[in-house]
Protein backbone atom coordinates (compact mmCIF):
# COMPACT_ATOMS: atom_id res chain seq x y z
CA UNK A 1 124.63 115.13 55.48
CA UNK A 2 126.45 115.77 52.18
CA UNK A 3 127.62 113.63 49.48
CA UNK A 4 128.87 113.54 46.05
CA UNK A 5 126.48 112.30 42.77
CA UNK A 6 127.95 110.47 39.94
CA UNK A 7 127.71 113.80 37.67
CA UNK A 8 130.54 116.05 40.25
CA UNK A 9 127.62 117.74 41.67
CA UNK A 10 127.25 117.56 45.33
CA UNK A 11 123.42 117.51 47.14
CA UNK A 12 122.71 117.29 51.02
CA UNK A 13 120.57 114.42 51.96
CA UNK A 14 118.83 114.29 55.45
CA UNK A 15 118.94 110.74 56.79
CA UNK A 16 116.84 111.65 60.03
CA UNK A 17 120.03 112.26 61.81
CA UNK A 18 120.70 115.37 64.12
CA UNK A 19 123.19 117.81 63.62
CA UNK A 20 125.72 117.53 66.09
CA UNK A 21 127.17 120.80 67.35
CA UNK A 22 131.27 121.16 67.62
CA UNK A 23 133.21 122.98 69.73
CA UNK A 24 133.00 124.36 73.13
CA UNK A 25 130.04 124.82 74.83
CA UNK A 26 128.22 128.28 74.78
CA UNK A 27 129.21 130.78 77.61
CA UNK A 28 125.97 130.87 79.03
CA UNK A 29 125.10 127.22 79.53
CA UNK A 30 128.82 127.26 81.14
CA UNK A 31 127.39 129.87 82.99
CA UNK A 32 124.66 128.22 84.84
CA UNK A 33 126.71 125.00 85.09
CA UNK A 34 129.35 127.42 86.88
CA UNK A 35 126.37 128.93 88.96
CA UNK A 36 125.15 125.75 89.92
CA UNK A 37 128.49 124.19 91.18
CA UNK A 38 129.27 127.62 93.18
CA UNK A 39 126.24 127.37 94.93
CA UNK A 40 126.56 123.78 96.04
CA UNK A 41 129.89 124.42 97.32
CA UNK A 42 129.00 127.58 99.28
CA UNK A 43 125.79 126.20 100.50
CA UNK A 44 127.34 124.22 103.52
CA UNK A 45 129.30 127.14 104.53
CA UNK A 46 126.18 129.69 105.00
CA UNK A 47 124.33 126.98 106.50
CA UNK A 48 126.86 126.39 108.95
CA UNK A 49 127.67 130.04 109.42
CA UNK A 50 124.16 130.71 110.38
CA UNK A 51 124.03 127.38 112.52
CA UNK A 52 127.90 128.88 114.14
CA UNK A 53 126.14 132.64 114.68
CA UNK A 54 122.85 130.69 116.50
CA UNK A 55 125.46 129.36 119.21
CA UNK A 56 126.49 132.95 120.63
CA UNK A 57 127.05 132.99 124.60
CA UNK A 58 123.67 135.26 124.63
CA UNK A 59 121.74 132.42 123.02
CA UNK A 60 123.39 129.60 125.38
CA UNK A 61 125.81 128.45 123.52
CA UNK A 62 129.57 127.98 124.19
CA UNK A 63 132.91 128.05 122.84
CA UNK A 64 133.48 124.35 122.41
CA UNK A 65 129.91 124.18 120.45
CA UNK A 66 130.85 127.03 117.89
CA UNK A 67 134.40 125.29 117.10
CA UNK A 68 132.79 121.73 116.56
CA UNK A 69 130.00 122.91 114.32
CA UNK A 70 132.29 125.10 112.74
CA UNK A 71 134.96 122.53 112.00
CA UNK A 72 132.54 120.34 110.83
CA UNK A 73 131.02 123.00 108.45
CA UNK A 74 134.72 123.30 107.05
CA UNK A 75 135.16 119.40 106.51
CA UNK A 76 131.78 118.90 105.25
CA UNK A 77 132.11 122.01 102.80
CA UNK A 78 135.17 120.99 101.39
CA UNK A 79 134.70 117.17 101.10
CA UNK A 80 131.44 118.57 99.45
CA UNK A 81 133.65 120.98 96.70
CA UNK A 82 136.39 118.07 96.59
CA UNK A 83 133.95 115.45 95.45
CA UNK A 84 131.80 117.40 92.93
CA UNK A 85 134.55 119.77 91.43
CA UNK A 86 137.34 117.50 91.54
CA UNK A 87 136.42 113.71 91.92
CA UNK A 88 133.38 113.50 89.97
CA UNK A 89 134.18 115.96 87.51
CA UNK A 90 137.86 114.82 87.10
CA UNK A 91 136.40 110.84 86.12
CA UNK A 92 133.44 111.08 84.79
CA UNK A 93 133.81 114.68 82.88
CA UNK A 94 130.05 116.20 84.94
CA UNK A 95 130.05 117.59 87.85
CA UNK A 96 126.36 117.98 89.56
CA UNK A 97 126.38 121.31 87.58
CA UNK A 98 127.12 120.07 83.90
CA UNK A 99 125.02 116.66 84.70
CA UNK A 100 122.19 118.99 84.88
CA UNK A 101 122.92 121.27 81.77
CA UNK A 102 124.33 118.65 79.80
CA UNK A 103 127.98 119.55 79.46
CA UNK A 104 131.50 117.68 79.77
CA UNK A 105 134.97 119.00 80.97
CA UNK A 106 137.47 116.80 78.55
CA UNK A 107 141.17 117.05 77.35
CA UNK A 108 141.23 118.88 74.64
CA UNK A 109 144.00 117.19 72.72
CA UNK A 110 142.91 113.91 73.29
CA UNK A 111 139.31 114.07 74.58
CA UNK A 112 139.63 112.04 77.79
CA UNK A 113 138.88 113.30 81.32
CA UNK A 114 141.39 115.40 82.90
CA UNK A 115 141.71 113.73 86.22
CA UNK A 116 141.07 115.42 89.75
CA UNK A 117 143.85 117.54 89.88
CA UNK A 118 143.20 119.10 86.50
CA UNK A 119 139.69 119.43 87.33
CA UNK A 120 140.27 121.18 90.50
CA UNK A 121 142.79 123.64 88.90
CA UNK A 122 140.51 124.18 85.80
CA UNK A 123 139.51 127.54 87.10
CA UNK A 124 142.54 129.11 87.25
CA UNK A 125 144.41 126.49 84.61
CA UNK A 126 142.27 126.09 81.60
CA UNK A 127 145.35 124.81 79.33
CA UNK A 128 144.30 122.26 77.55
CA UNK A 129 140.95 122.32 78.89
CA UNK A 130 137.66 122.39 77.16
CA UNK A 131 133.70 122.30 78.40
CA UNK A 132 131.59 121.11 75.35
CA UNK A 133 128.37 119.54 75.12
CA UNK A 134 127.27 116.24 76.08
CA UNK A 135 126.29 115.11 73.02
CA UNK A 136 129.30 116.60 71.05
CA UNK A 137 131.45 114.52 73.46
CA UNK A 138 129.75 110.95 73.60
CA UNK A 139 129.74 111.21 69.31
CA UNK A 140 133.27 111.93 69.82
CA UNK A 141 134.06 108.95 71.81
CA UNK A 142 134.33 110.47 75.04
CA UNK A 143 134.71 107.89 77.52
CA UNK A 144 134.52 108.31 81.59
CA UNK A 145 137.47 107.09 83.59
CA UNK A 146 136.68 103.21 85.34
CA UNK A 147 137.56 102.82 88.48
CA UNK A 148 140.16 100.18 88.83
CA UNK A 149 139.28 96.89 89.87
CA UNK A 150 142.32 94.79 90.89
CA UNK A 151 141.95 93.30 94.27
CA UNK A 152 144.71 95.87 95.71
CA UNK A 153 142.93 98.83 94.28
CA UNK A 154 140.06 97.59 96.20
CA UNK A 155 141.60 96.61 98.90
CA UNK A 156 143.30 100.17 99.71
CA UNK A 157 140.15 102.20 98.82
CA UNK A 158 138.23 100.00 101.57
CA UNK A 159 141.44 100.56 104.07
CA UNK A 160 141.11 104.60 102.71
CA UNK A 161 137.57 104.63 103.71
CA UNK A 162 137.51 102.54 107.31
CA UNK A 163 140.43 104.88 108.22
CA UNK A 164 138.05 107.70 107.06
CA UNK A 165 135.40 106.44 108.98
CA UNK A 166 137.49 106.14 112.39
CA UNK A 167 138.46 110.08 112.22
CA UNK A 168 134.78 110.84 111.43
CA UNK A 169 133.72 108.43 114.56
CA UNK A 170 136.90 110.33 116.89
CA UNK A 171 135.09 113.59 115.79
CA UNK A 172 131.67 112.45 116.82
CA UNK A 173 133.06 111.34 120.12
CA UNK A 174 134.71 114.72 121.29
CA UNK A 175 131.23 116.26 119.56
CA UNK A 176 128.98 114.67 122.28
CA UNK A 177 131.86 115.11 124.59
CA UNK A 178 131.76 118.92 124.19
CA UNK A 179 127.88 119.20 123.25
CA UNK A 180 125.25 119.91 125.83
CA UNK A 181 122.85 122.06 127.46
CA UNK A 182 125.78 123.45 129.54
CA UNK A 183 128.14 125.09 127.58
CA UNK A 184 131.59 124.38 128.34
CA UNK A 185 135.10 126.11 127.15
CA UNK A 186 137.80 123.43 125.05
CA UNK A 187 139.82 124.28 128.74
CA UNK A 188 137.04 122.72 130.60
CA UNK A 189 136.97 119.50 128.57
CA UNK A 190 140.69 119.13 128.50
CA UNK A 191 140.46 119.72 132.37
CA UNK A 192 137.68 117.20 132.97
CA UNK A 193 139.49 114.68 131.06
CA UNK A 194 143.16 115.11 131.72
CA UNK A 195 143.60 116.38 134.85
CA UNK A 196 139.59 116.25 136.67
CA UNK A 197 139.60 117.73 140.55
CA UNK A 198 136.01 117.69 140.84
CA UNK A 199 134.45 120.86 139.22
CA UNK A 200 131.15 120.99 137.75
CA UNK A 201 132.33 121.09 134.46
CA UNK A 202 134.22 117.67 135.57
CA UNK A 203 131.22 116.24 137.03
CA UNK A 204 129.43 116.96 133.80
CA UNK A 205 131.72 115.38 131.60
CA UNK A 206 132.32 112.15 133.57
CA UNK A 207 129.06 111.10 134.88
CA UNK A 208 126.85 112.66 132.18
CA UNK A 209 128.32 112.77 128.95
CA UNK A 210 131.07 110.30 129.37
CA UNK A 211 128.72 107.32 130.11
CA UNK A 212 126.52 109.02 127.58
CA UNK A 213 129.09 109.00 124.87
CA UNK A 214 130.53 105.43 125.49
CA UNK A 215 126.92 103.97 125.49
CA UNK A 216 126.26 105.32 122.01
CA UNK A 217 129.09 104.32 120.69
CA UNK A 218 128.73 100.39 121.61
CA UNK A 219 124.86 100.38 121.01
CA UNK A 220 125.66 102.10 117.60
CA UNK A 221 127.96 99.67 116.69
CA UNK A 222 125.82 96.95 117.57
CA UNK A 223 122.79 98.15 115.63
CA UNK A 224 124.98 98.83 112.53
CA UNK A 225 126.38 95.46 112.21
CA UNK A 226 122.88 93.85 113.39
CA UNK A 227 121.51 95.39 110.02
CA UNK A 228 123.71 94.21 107.76
CA UNK A 229 123.67 90.74 109.54
CA UNK A 230 120.02 90.97 109.30
CA UNK A 231 119.49 91.97 105.74
CA UNK A 232 122.36 89.42 104.75
CA UNK A 233 120.60 86.15 106.27
CA UNK A 234 117.27 87.71 105.30
CA UNK A 235 117.86 88.47 101.75
CA UNK A 236 115.39 91.34 102.39
CA UNK A 237 116.67 94.82 101.91
CA UNK A 238 114.38 96.16 103.99
CA UNK A 239 114.56 94.05 107.12
CA UNK A 240 115.43 95.23 110.84
CA UNK A 241 115.28 94.14 114.00
CA UNK A 242 111.54 94.82 113.84
CA UNK A 243 111.12 91.93 111.15
CA UNK A 244 112.46 89.20 113.33
CA UNK A 245 110.29 90.50 116.51
CA UNK A 246 113.55 91.20 118.72
CA UNK A 247 112.01 94.73 119.60
CA UNK A 248 108.80 93.21 119.97
CA UNK A 249 109.98 90.78 122.35
CA UNK A 250 112.29 93.06 124.65
CA UNK A 251 108.97 95.29 124.71
CA UNK A 252 106.40 92.76 125.89
CA UNK A 253 108.95 92.03 129.18
CA UNK A 254 109.58 95.34 129.76
CA UNK A 255 105.85 96.17 129.99
CA UNK A 256 105.36 93.00 131.51
CA UNK A 257 107.94 94.04 134.18
CA UNK A 258 106.50 97.25 134.54
CA UNK A 259 103.20 95.96 135.48
CA UNK A 260 103.85 93.35 137.54
CA UNK A 261 107.00 94.81 139.66
CA UNK A 262 106.62 98.50 139.00
CA UNK A 263 109.87 98.94 137.52
CA UNK A 264 110.56 102.22 135.82
CA UNK A 265 114.42 102.57 135.75
CA UNK A 266 116.39 101.31 132.87
CA UNK A 267 118.67 99.66 135.26
CA UNK A 268 115.88 97.67 136.57
CA UNK A 269 114.14 96.29 133.64
CA UNK A 270 117.28 95.81 131.18
CA UNK A 271 117.49 91.93 132.09
CA UNK A 272 113.70 91.64 131.04
CA UNK A 273 114.53 93.42 127.67
CA UNK A 274 117.54 91.27 127.45
CA UNK A 275 115.58 88.01 127.71
CA UNK A 276 112.56 89.11 126.13
CA UNK A 277 114.66 89.74 122.61
CA UNK A 278 116.32 86.37 123.37
CA UNK A 279 112.83 84.39 123.73
CA UNK A 280 111.25 86.49 120.58
CA UNK A 281 114.70 85.15 118.77
CA UNK A 282 114.25 81.29 119.60
CA UNK A 283 110.82 81.25 118.81
CA UNK A 284 110.34 83.13 115.31
CA UNK A 285 113.74 80.78 114.58
CA UNK A 286 111.69 77.81 115.89
CA UNK A 287 108.54 78.81 113.68
CA UNK A 288 110.51 79.12 110.47
CA UNK A 289 112.74 75.84 111.15
CA UNK A 290 108.97 73.51 110.91
CA UNK A 291 108.34 71.82 107.74
CA UNK A 292 110.54 69.74 105.28
CA UNK A 293 112.08 72.83 104.06
CA UNK A 294 113.75 74.08 106.84
CA UNK A 295 114.93 77.66 107.95
CA UNK A 296 114.76 79.97 104.96
CA UNK A 297 114.69 83.83 104.29
CA UNK A 298 111.44 83.77 103.90
CA UNK A 299 110.18 81.54 106.41
CA UNK A 300 112.11 83.71 108.63
CA UNK A 301 110.66 87.14 107.67
CA UNK A 302 107.18 85.74 107.83
CA UNK A 303 107.54 83.84 111.43
CA UNK A 304 109.24 87.15 112.42
CA UNK A 305 106.54 89.26 111.02
CA UNK A 306 103.90 86.79 112.89
CA UNK A 307 105.42 86.79 116.52
CA UNK A 308 106.16 90.69 116.40
CA UNK A 309 102.12 91.84 115.23
CA UNK A 310 100.95 89.38 118.36
CA UNK A 311 103.85 90.71 121.06
CA UNK A 312 102.75 94.04 119.63
CA UNK A 313 99.24 93.29 120.57
CA UNK A 314 100.08 91.98 123.83
CA UNK A 315 101.76 94.91 124.63
CA UNK A 316 99.34 97.18 123.40
CA UNK A 317 97.00 95.13 125.81
CA UNK A 318 98.90 95.45 128.94
CA UNK A 319 99.41 99.18 128.30
CA UNK A 320 95.86 99.90 127.81
CA UNK A 321 94.41 98.80 131.37
CA UNK A 322 97.46 100.27 133.51
CA UNK A 323 98.27 103.98 133.24
CA UNK A 324 101.56 103.65 135.32
CA UNK A 325 102.82 101.01 132.82
CA UNK A 326 101.87 103.27 129.69
CA UNK A 327 103.60 106.33 131.33
CA UNK A 328 107.04 104.34 131.80
CA UNK A 329 106.74 102.43 128.37
CA UNK A 330 106.28 105.55 126.65
CA UNK A 331 109.24 107.00 127.52
CA UNK A 332 111.38 103.89 127.03
CA UNK A 333 110.15 103.13 123.48
CA UNK A 334 111.19 106.37 121.99
CA UNK A 335 114.58 105.35 122.48
CA UNK A 336 117.24 107.61 124.05
CA UNK A 337 121.32 107.48 125.17
CA UNK A 338 120.25 109.48 128.09
CA UNK A 339 120.37 108.75 131.65
CA UNK A 340 122.08 105.81 131.41
CA UNK A 341 125.14 105.61 133.78
CA UNK A 342 128.10 103.12 133.55
CA UNK A 343 126.20 100.35 135.36
CA UNK A 344 124.23 100.05 132.21
CA UNK A 345 126.88 99.93 130.05
CA UNK A 346 129.26 97.62 132.07
CA UNK A 347 126.11 95.29 131.92
CA UNK A 348 125.42 95.16 128.53
CA UNK A 349 128.82 95.48 127.66
CA UNK A 350 129.99 91.65 127.31
CA UNK A 351 127.45 90.82 125.21
CA UNK A 352 127.61 93.49 122.80
CA UNK A 353 131.55 92.12 122.24
CA UNK A 354 130.29 88.53 121.91
CA UNK A 355 127.76 89.21 119.59
CA UNK A 356 130.43 91.29 117.64
CA UNK A 357 132.82 88.83 117.91
CA UNK A 358 130.46 85.78 116.62
CA UNK A 359 129.27 88.94 113.43
CA UNK A 360 132.57 89.19 112.19
CA UNK A 361 133.12 85.25 112.91
CA UNK A 362 130.14 84.61 110.51
CA UNK A 363 131.07 87.16 107.70
CA UNK A 364 132.82 84.52 105.51
CA UNK A 365 130.19 82.30 106.12
CA UNK A 366 127.23 84.42 104.92
CA UNK A 367 129.40 85.40 102.07
CA UNK A 368 128.75 81.69 100.57
CA UNK A 369 125.31 81.65 101.90
CA UNK A 370 124.56 84.74 99.55
CA UNK A 371 125.07 82.86 96.90
CA UNK A 372 122.12 80.58 97.87
CA UNK A 373 121.29 77.60 99.78
CA UNK A 374 122.09 75.69 96.86
CA UNK A 375 125.49 76.90 95.98
CA UNK A 376 126.58 77.27 99.45
CA UNK A 377 125.75 73.21 99.95
CA UNK A 378 127.48 72.55 97.38
CA UNK A 379 130.65 74.16 98.21
CA UNK A 380 130.42 72.46 101.61
CA UNK A 381 129.09 74.94 104.12
CA UNK A 382 127.15 74.04 106.51
CA UNK A 383 123.93 76.24 105.94
CA UNK A 384 122.20 75.29 109.27
CA UNK A 385 125.02 76.21 111.22
CA UNK A 386 125.74 79.26 109.82
CA UNK A 387 122.34 81.04 109.98
CA UNK A 388 122.38 79.66 113.70
CA UNK A 389 125.24 81.98 114.15
CA UNK A 390 124.30 84.32 112.75
CA UNK A 391 120.59 84.51 114.53
CA UNK A 392 122.50 84.32 117.70
CA UNK A 393 125.03 87.09 116.73
CA UNK A 394 121.81 89.10 115.94
CA UNK A 395 120.45 88.48 119.10
CA UNK A 396 123.19 89.44 121.16
CA UNK A 397 123.37 92.50 119.33
CA UNK A 398 120.20 93.79 118.95
CA UNK A 399 118.94 92.35 122.27
CA UNK A 400 121.60 94.17 124.61
CA UNK A 401 121.32 97.55 122.65
CA UNK A 402 117.99 97.55 122.69
CA UNK A 403 117.87 96.40 126.18
CA UNK A 404 120.02 99.29 127.08
CA UNK A 405 118.28 102.16 125.23
CA UNK A 406 114.67 100.87 123.68
CA UNK A 407 114.29 99.96 120.28
CA UNK A 408 116.16 102.47 117.79
CA UNK A 409 114.98 102.44 114.19
CA UNK A 410 116.81 103.34 111.02
CA UNK A 411 120.27 102.44 111.99
CA UNK A 412 119.81 98.78 111.12
CA UNK A 413 117.70 99.71 108.05
CA UNK A 414 119.82 102.61 106.80
CA UNK A 415 123.41 102.03 107.87
CA UNK A 416 123.60 98.61 105.37
CA UNK A 417 123.25 100.28 102.33
CA UNK A 418 125.24 102.92 102.51
CA UNK A 419 128.08 100.39 102.95
CA UNK A 420 127.09 98.38 100.88
CA UNK A 421 127.44 101.39 98.56
CA UNK A 422 130.96 101.67 99.43
CA UNK A 423 132.15 97.91 100.31
CA UNK A 424 130.19 95.97 98.01
CA UNK A 425 128.85 92.48 98.96
CA UNK A 426 131.77 91.42 100.79
CA UNK A 427 130.55 91.15 104.47
CA UNK A 428 133.77 91.03 105.65
CA UNK A 429 134.29 94.45 104.84
CA UNK A 430 130.13 95.17 105.32
CA UNK A 431 129.97 94.58 108.65
CA UNK A 432 132.88 96.49 110.01
CA UNK A 433 131.97 99.26 107.75
CA UNK A 434 128.18 99.43 108.73
CA UNK A 435 128.89 99.05 112.62
CA UNK A 436 131.46 102.08 112.43
CA UNK A 437 128.47 103.58 110.23
CA UNK A 438 126.43 102.99 112.99
CA UNK A 439 128.16 104.59 115.85
CA UNK A 440 128.68 107.57 114.00
CA UNK A 441 124.82 107.97 112.83
CA UNK A 442 123.81 107.74 116.55
CA UNK A 443 126.04 109.70 117.86
CA UNK A 444 125.39 113.04 115.35
CA UNK A 445 121.71 111.79 116.15
CA UNK A 446 122.20 112.16 119.80
CA UNK A 447 124.25 115.47 119.53
CA UNK A 448 121.48 117.35 117.28
CA UNK A 449 118.92 116.53 120.02
CA UNK A 450 120.53 118.36 122.42
CA UNK A 451 120.80 121.24 120.01
CA UNK A 452 117.54 122.00 118.39
CA UNK A 453 115.17 122.18 121.53
CA UNK A 454 118.21 123.51 123.85
CA UNK A 455 118.04 123.82 127.01
CA UNK A 456 116.08 121.03 126.86
CA UNK A 457 116.48 117.46 124.71
CA UNK A 458 114.78 115.55 121.87
CA UNK A 459 115.43 111.61 122.23
CA UNK A 460 117.67 110.17 119.70
CA UNK A 461 114.77 108.04 118.43
CA UNK A 462 112.92 111.05 117.71
CA UNK A 463 115.66 112.39 115.41
CA UNK A 464 116.58 109.51 113.84
CA UNK A 465 112.91 109.40 112.76
CA UNK A 466 113.16 113.07 111.66
CA UNK A 467 116.36 112.58 109.35
CA UNK A 468 116.38 108.64 108.62
CA UNK A 469 112.95 108.70 106.92
CA UNK A 470 113.63 111.16 104.06
CA UNK A 471 117.32 109.80 103.79
CA UNK A 472 116.14 106.00 103.18
CA UNK A 473 113.62 107.18 100.71
CA UNK A 474 116.43 108.76 98.87
CA UNK A 475 118.27 105.82 99.30
CA UNK A 476 115.65 103.23 97.84
CA UNK A 477 114.85 105.13 95.09
CA UNK A 478 118.73 104.61 93.70
CA UNK A 479 117.59 100.89 93.43
CA UNK A 480 121.29 99.67 92.88
CA UNK A 481 121.55 100.31 96.57
CA UNK A 482 118.69 98.53 97.98
CA UNK A 483 119.85 95.76 95.72
CA UNK A 484 121.14 92.49 97.93
């Protein structure tokens, strides 16, 4: 730091501040950031090309397989590039590569973020756009753009997100119809959907993939919505259907039906699974209500854990002493949407619809309850009635889904965290988002399970465990997504 002394001479005094560099960042550092961003953008296209190339006819692939995976690759690559190079760099001043090496892109004249469009065009049009070091930008007052927090803007973003989710869900439904052990062409799929006359492709689409796709759709919606409700009512970001003992109740009665009546088909033990979930919820809710304190998130979690451990022990006792029950139970407990026809779908559909209606109806009360029981009571909310409505919705959704497909983990655990990052804590939006995301997640996992071990299949429960566990660990590491 240079100062002027009283005798007119200058002297340099150091006050422990490091000198801040000025002007554009060195070309070498900018090249590293550019290489990183380029690799991040190109990587999905490279991986997608290898996947599509592996689906040649000689490898058991088909025209529809290549078309679906090629379109998915194109969409994912373009979306990733737009988010990283456009939205992120334009609003915060840093793409992933720039953040890694400590650079900021800004308007040269005003020192502000350049916006999404200019960020995307800056490779071709660099007028009045410069890249500087992060310390330089911070010292000169650079601040990222803050999102518009007005109610109108928030509502518009949420509606746009729902539109995007519906489009992704439609694509996932198409992929579930098109992809399987038997390759199909686009013409065969169109013929089966709109002009069926009993060909082999028509039978595959209408009797195998059609029911399977619709069941995955409704079960995914149910599990996603139920997961959001469970985490909301228990105030526990790690809660899922297993925490309330619902899966354990269904498993116990399914094994009991296999042991007593030798049931092996899903249509035979469907009602036993549903009744088991329902009875477990009644027991958990009753135990949590014992005492002067009444039902609370902590008592619900403790009662659910106790009931789940007890029922799991009873289930293991049966499968240990009866080999036939073990053989049938081990296929159900993995969780799968394969081998279920329209009879299973029509049986559970009324319960799923009723549960979803109750879930949506209870979201305003859950918003009030999330403020705390004392605040909810002071606002005139009936805490007990709200929690009973929520438990009933959770039981209907989870019980019917588990009865139809077995216990499918990770959807109810992971999806609410992702939805909450988009919608915030408002359950009027969180529950619909979680429902749609749950359907997308289950459909995509089922499609992946059909491809990775073709011509065989990998159950959807296994696929979700393989991909869901690392994904959930990554989410939990970002604490703001796990917070309620």
